[in-house]
Amino acid sequence: LVKQLPEANLILLRHLFGVLHHIEQNSGVNQMNAFNLALCIAPNMLWLPSPTGPEEESRSTKKVALLVQFLIENSGEIFGGDIASLF
């Protein structure tokens, strides 16, 4: 799916997840592991197209958080092994 994105979107995601991966690599100091980062970032990345109740929003946020966590933890494989070179 990542390869099907427009190049501008792919570059943006690559940089975003490069930063998040870099933060996660320093979780021993900053306490921001992939799970914590995902919980902070997920509600701002994807949301349901129409208003729903609190239960559905909570379920949706958890699913997005799992996706974001996976993308952070596997950013090198997903966006290219040289993601650290962005820094």
C-alpha atoms as a PDB file:
ATOM      1  CA  LEU A   1       0.000   0.000   0.000  1.00  0.00           C
ATOM      2  CA  VAL A   2       2.835   2.382   0.796  1.00  0.00           C
ATOM      3  CA  LYS A   3       4.198   2.095  -2.730  1.00  0.00           C
ATOM      4  CA  GLN A   4       0.787   3.113  -4.115  1.00  0.00           C
ATOM      5  CA  LEU A   5       0.837   6.473  -2.322  1.00  0.00           C
ATOM      6  CA  PRO A   6       1.596   9.661  -4.243  1.00  0.00           C
ATOM      7  CA  GLU A   7       5.268  10.530  -3.862  1.00  0.00           C
ATOM      8  CA  ALA A   8       4.598  13.659  -1.765  1.00  0.00           C
ATOM      9  CA  ASN A   9       2.563  11.613   0.732  1.00  0.00           C
ATOM     10  CA  LEU A  10       5.228   8.917   0.864  1.00  0.00           C
ATOM     11  CA  ILE A  11       7.967  11.456   1.550  1.00  0.00           C
ATOM     12  CA  LEU A  12       5.898  13.039   4.309  1.00  0.00           C
ATOM     13  CA  LEU A  13       5.172   9.675   5.947  1.00  0.00           C
ATOM     14  CA  ARG A  14       8.807   8.623   5.597  1.00  0.00           C
ATOM     15  CA  HIS A  15       9.977  11.734   7.410  1.00  0.00           C
ATOM     16  CA  LEU A  16       7.258  11.560  10.053  1.00  0.00           C
ATOM     17  CA  PHE A  17       7.938   7.934  10.880  1.00  0.00           C
ATOM     18  CA  GLY A  18      11.674   8.563  10.671  1.00  0.00           C
ATOM     19  CA  VAL A  19      11.307  11.137  13.451  1.00  0.00           C
ATOM     20  CA  LEU A  20       9.039   8.859  15.481  1.00  0.00           C
ATOM     21  CA  HIS A  21      11.435   5.939  15.033  1.00  0.00           C
ATOM     22  CA  HIS A  22      14.338   8.141  16.146  1.00  0.00           C
ATOM     23  CA  ILE A  23      12.400   9.198  19.270  1.00  0.00           C
ATOM     24  CA  GLU A  24      11.521   5.560  19.965  1.00  0.00           C
ATOM     25  CA  GLN A  25      15.186   4.573  19.705  1.00  0.00           C
ATOM     26  CA  ASN A  26      15.842   6.851  22.691  1.00  0.00           C
ATOM     27  CA  SER A  27      12.961   5.515  24.787  1.00  0.00           C
ATOM     28  CA  GLY A  28      15.340   4.555  27.585  1.00  0.00           C
ATOM     29  CA  VAL A  29      15.867   8.254  28.208  1.00  0.00           C
ATOM     30  CA  ASN A  30      12.571   9.805  27.112  1.00  0.00           C
ATOM     31  CA  GLN A  31      10.063   7.033  28.062  1.00  0.00           C
ATOM     32  CA  MET A  32       8.482   7.333  24.598  1.00  0.00           C
ATOM     33  CA  ASN A  33       8.398   3.815  23.231  1.00  0.00           C
ATOM     34  CA  ALA A  34       6.437   2.966  20.066  1.00  0.00           C
ATOM     35  CA  PHE A  35       3.279   2.258  22.081  1.00  0.00           C
ATOM     36  CA  ASN A  36       3.366   5.611  23.918  1.00  0.00           C
ATOM     37  CA  LEU A  37       4.136   7.505  20.716  1.00  0.00           C
ATOM     38  CA  ALA A  38       1.307   5.751  18.932  1.00  0.00           C
ATOM     39  CA  LEU A  39      -1.176   6.704  21.652  1.00  0.00           C
ATOM     40  CA  CYS A  40      -0.144  10.354  21.326  1.00  0.00           C
ATOM     41  CA  ILE A  41      -0.066  10.491  17.528  1.00  0.00           C
ATOM     42  CA  ALA A  42      -2.898   8.155  16.458  1.00  0.00           C
ATOM     43  CA  PRO A  43      -5.851  10.446  17.239  1.00  0.00           C
ATOM     44  CA  ASN A  44      -4.342  13.086  14.933  1.00  0.00           C
ATOM     45  CA  MET A  45      -3.516  10.791  12.017  1.00  0.00           C
ATOM     46  CA  LEU A  46      -6.746   9.038  11.084  1.00  0.00           C
ATOM     47  CA  TRP A  47     -10.296   9.484  12.204  1.00  0.00           C
ATOM     48  CA  LEU A  48     -13.736   8.287  11.256  1.00  0.00           C
ATOM     49  CA  PRO A  49     -15.374  10.246   8.405  1.00  0.00           C
ATOM     50  CA  SER A  50     -18.568  10.907  10.319  1.00  0.00           C
ATOM     51  CA  PRO A  51     -19.282  11.618  13.979  1.00  0.00           C
ATOM     52  CA  THR A  52     -19.908   8.513  16.027  1.00  0.00           C
ATOM     53  CA  GLY A  53     -20.383   7.655  19.651  1.00  0.00           C
ATOM     54  CA  PRO A  54     -17.570   7.508  22.201  1.00  0.00           C
ATOM     55  CA  GLU A  55     -17.362   3.706  22.072  1.00  0.00           C
ATOM     56  CA  GLU A  56     -16.797   3.607  18.308  1.00  0.00           C
ATOM     57  CA  GLU A  57     -14.270   6.447  18.513  1.00  0.00           C
ATOM     58  CA  SER A  58     -12.381   4.598  21.237  1.00  0.00           C
ATOM     59  CA  ARG A  59     -12.314   1.380  19.183  1.00  0.00           C
ATOM     60  CA  SER A  60     -11.184   3.279  16.114  1.00  0.00           C
ATOM     61  CA  THR A  61      -8.427   5.100  18.016  1.00  0.00           C
ATOM     62  CA  LYS A  62      -7.108   1.798  19.381  1.00  0.00           C
ATOM     63  CA  LYS A  63      -6.965   0.312  15.875  1.00  0.00           C
ATOM     64  CA  VAL A  64      -5.156   3.362  14.520  1.00  0.00           C
ATOM     65  CA  ALA A  65      -2.754   3.306  17.489  1.00  0.00           C
ATOM     66  CA  LEU A  66      -1.869  -0.320  16.714  1.00  0.00           C
ATOM     67  CA  LEU A  67      -1.217   0.610  13.086  1.00  0.00           C
ATOM     68  CA  VAL A  68       0.937   3.596  14.076  1.00  0.00           C
ATOM     69  CA  GLN A  69       2.879   1.466  16.562  1.00  0.00           C
ATOM     70  CA  PHE A  70       3.512  -1.130  13.847  1.00  0.00           C
ATOM     71  CA  LEU A  71       4.674   1.565  11.420  1.00  0.00           C
ATOM     72  CA  ILE A  72       7.058   3.044  14.009  1.00  0.00           C
ATOM     73  CA  GLU A  73       8.518  -0.325  14.957  1.00  0.00           C
ATOM     74  CA  ASN A  74       8.928  -1.402  11.322  1.00  0.00           C
ATOM     75  CA  SER A  75       9.661   1.944   9.685  1.00  0.00           C
ATOM     76  CA  GLY A  76      13.013   0.805   8.303  1.00  0.00           C
ATOM     77  CA  GLU A  77      11.467  -2.120   6.454  1.00  0.00           C
ATOM     78  CA  ILE A  78       8.392  -0.179   5.331  1.00  0.00           C
ATOM     79  CA  PHE A  79       9.945   3.126   4.277  1.00  0.00           C
ATOM     80  CA  GLY A  80      13.471   1.976   3.460  1.00  0.00           C
ATOM     81  CA  GLY A  81      16.372   0.807   5.559  1.00  0.00           C
ATOM     82  CA  ASP A  82      18.138   4.158   5.313  1.00  0.00           C
ATOM     83  CA  ILE A  83      15.468   5.997   7.292  1.00  0.00           C
ATOM     84  CA  ALA A  84      18.080   6.994   9.890  1.00  0.00           C
ATOM     85  CA  SER A  85      19.922   8.909   7.158  1.00  0.00           C
ATOM     86  CA  LEU A  86      17.174  11.520   7.299  1.00  0.00           C
ATOM     87  CA  PHE A  87      19.039  12.872  10.325  1.00  0.00           C
END
